Amino acid sequence: NGVRLHLLSVHVITREETNNGYQGYIILTDSDVFFVAENDSKMLSEKELVKLNLENCAFVSDDFSTGDRVRINFMTIADLSPRIADVDSIEKIEAGDVSNIDEEVIGWLKEKEYKIY
């Protein structure tokens, strides 16, 4: 049982940085939940895919569908590919569908064998 250590660049988000949170679209897959930013910001570029760690927020997947527009507040974001973020809160702004997600993002997820719901 060897121990593996990985050096990660982790950015701790301050309230000042999030202001009203990041806006974008949610993607539900068979194993993970992702967020795609709708605009460039200080931390994320437009169409950047972020895998969400939802352990610390009240998230009920039945309340969301792929393509819903959401506002999200992150606690931390790790510089991996894709980036991984600990989520403080997530709020649905409006219902949507998979057509809101860029085809390039969908293609990447399918290439990695994610099943999108």
Protein backbone atom coordinates (compact mmCIF):
# COMPACT_ATOMS: atom_id res chain seq x y z
CA ASN A 1 0.00 0.00 0.00
CA GLY A 2 2.09 2.85 -1.29
CA VAL A 3 1.08 6.42 -0.76
CA ARG A 4 0.89 8.65 -3.79
CA LEU A 5 1.29 12.37 -3.42
CA HIS A 6 0.18 14.72 -6.14
CA LEU A 7 1.01 18.40 -6.13
CA LEU A 8 -2.04 20.39 -7.04
CA SER A 9 -2.51 24.06 -7.49
CA VAL A 10 -5.61 24.86 -5.47
CA HIS A 11 -7.10 28.31 -5.47
CA VAL A 12 -9.18 29.24 -2.44
CA ILE A 13 -12.03 31.46 -3.54
CA THR A 14 -12.83 34.57 -1.57
CA ARG A 15 -16.32 36.05 -1.31
CA GLU A 16 -14.97 39.14 -3.05
CA GLU A 17 -14.09 37.07 -6.13
CA THR A 18 -17.46 35.39 -6.44
CA ASN A 19 -19.69 38.43 -5.82
CA ASN A 20 -22.91 36.95 -7.20
CA GLY A 21 -21.34 33.62 -8.12
CA TYR A 22 -20.39 32.23 -11.49
CA GLN A 23 -23.10 31.70 -14.07
CA GLY A 24 -23.21 28.91 -16.59
CA TYR A 25 -24.77 25.55 -17.31
CA ILE A 26 -24.90 22.27 -15.44
CA ILE A 27 -24.23 18.85 -16.97
CA LEU A 28 -25.37 15.67 -15.24
CA THR A 29 -23.58 12.45 -16.20
CA ASP A 30 -23.69 8.85 -15.06
CA SER A 31 -20.92 9.44 -12.50
CA ASP A 32 -20.24 13.17 -12.08
CA VAL A 33 -21.76 16.63 -12.26
CA PHE A 34 -20.05 19.34 -14.33
CA PHE A 35 -20.37 23.09 -14.74
CA VAL A 36 -19.63 25.06 -17.93
CA ALA A 37 -19.01 28.79 -17.53
CA GLU A 38 -21.09 30.96 -19.82
CA ASN A 39 -18.65 33.92 -19.85
CA ASP A 40 -14.99 34.62 -19.21
CA SER A 41 -14.23 35.62 -15.64
CA LYS A 42 -11.20 36.08 -13.43
CA MET A 43 -11.12 32.33 -12.64
CA LEU A 44 -12.83 30.60 -15.57
CA SER A 45 -12.86 31.00 -19.31
CA GLU A 46 -16.02 30.70 -21.39
CA LYS A 47 -16.96 27.07 -22.07
CA GLU A 48 -14.43 25.85 -19.47
CA LEU A 49 -15.55 22.55 -17.96
CA VAL A 50 -15.40 22.15 -14.17
CA LYS A 51 -16.11 18.88 -12.34
CA LEU A 52 -18.12 19.61 -9.20
CA ASN A 53 -17.60 18.24 -5.71
CA LEU A 54 -21.03 18.73 -4.14
CA GLU A 55 -20.37 17.16 -0.73
CA ASN A 56 -20.64 20.48 1.13
CA CYS A 57 -23.76 21.91 -0.48
CA ALA A 58 -27.41 20.99 -0.58
CA PHE A 59 -27.63 19.53 -4.09
CA VAL A 60 -30.50 17.31 -5.19
CA SER A 61 -29.89 16.01 -8.71
CA ASP A 62 -33.64 15.52 -9.28
CA ASP A 63 -34.00 19.32 -9.10
CA PHE A 64 -31.61 19.87 -12.04
CA SER A 65 -31.34 18.83 -15.69
CA THR A 66 -28.43 19.02 -18.10
CA GLY A 67 -28.48 22.46 -19.68
CA ASP A 68 -30.12 24.28 -16.79
CA ARG A 69 -28.63 27.74 -16.30
CA VAL A 70 -27.21 28.00 -12.78
CA ARG A 71 -25.41 30.36 -10.42
CA ILE A 72 -22.69 28.64 -8.45
CA ASN A 73 -20.34 29.62 -5.62
CA PHE A 74 -17.07 27.73 -5.30
CA MET A 75 -14.99 27.24 -2.14
CA THR A 76 -11.89 25.99 -4.00
CA ILE A 77 -10.90 25.19 -7.57
CA ALA A 78 -8.06 22.76 -8.34
CA ASP A 79 -6.02 23.22 -11.51
CA LEU A 80 -6.51 19.83 -13.08
CA SER A 81 -7.97 18.82 -16.42
CA PRO A 82 -10.85 19.23 -16.10
CA ARG A 83 -10.69 21.53 -13.11
CA ILE A 84 -12.34 20.23 -9.93
CA ALA A 85 -14.23 22.58 -7.63
CA ASP A 86 -15.66 22.29 -4.15
CA VAL A 87 -19.09 23.89 -4.27
CA ASP A 88 -20.51 26.10 -1.54
CA SER A 89 -23.90 26.65 -3.18
CA ILE A 90 -25.70 26.11 -6.47
CA GLU A 91 -28.94 27.75 -7.60
CA LYS A 92 -31.00 27.15 -10.72
CA ILE A 93 -31.62 30.40 -12.61
CA GLU A 94 -33.70 28.90 -15.42
CA ALA A 95 -34.56 25.49 -16.81
CA GLY A 96 -32.74 24.41 -19.94
CA ASP A 97 -31.74 21.37 -21.95
CA VAL A 98 -28.68 19.81 -23.54
CA SER A 99 -28.89 22.21 -26.51
CA ASN A 100 -27.51 24.92 -24.18
CA ILE A 101 -24.21 23.02 -23.93
CA ASP A 102 -21.53 23.66 -26.55
CA GLU A 103 -21.00 20.69 -28.91
CA GLU A 104 -17.25 20.75 -28.21
CA VAL A 105 -17.92 20.22 -24.48
CA ILE A 106 -20.40 17.40 -25.21
CA GLY A 107 -17.84 15.81 -27.55
CA TRP A 108 -15.12 15.90 -24.88
CA LEU A 109 -17.41 14.25 -22.31
CA LYS A 110 -18.46 11.53 -24.78
CA GLU A 111 -14.82 10.94 -25.70
CA LYS A 112 -14.14 10.34 -21.99
CA GLU A 113 -17.09 7.89 -22.02
CA TYR A 114 -19.43 9.91 -19.82
CA LYS A 115 -23.12 9.29 -20.36
CA ILE A 116 -25.00 12.58 -20.27
CA TYR A 117 -28.47 12.73 -18.75
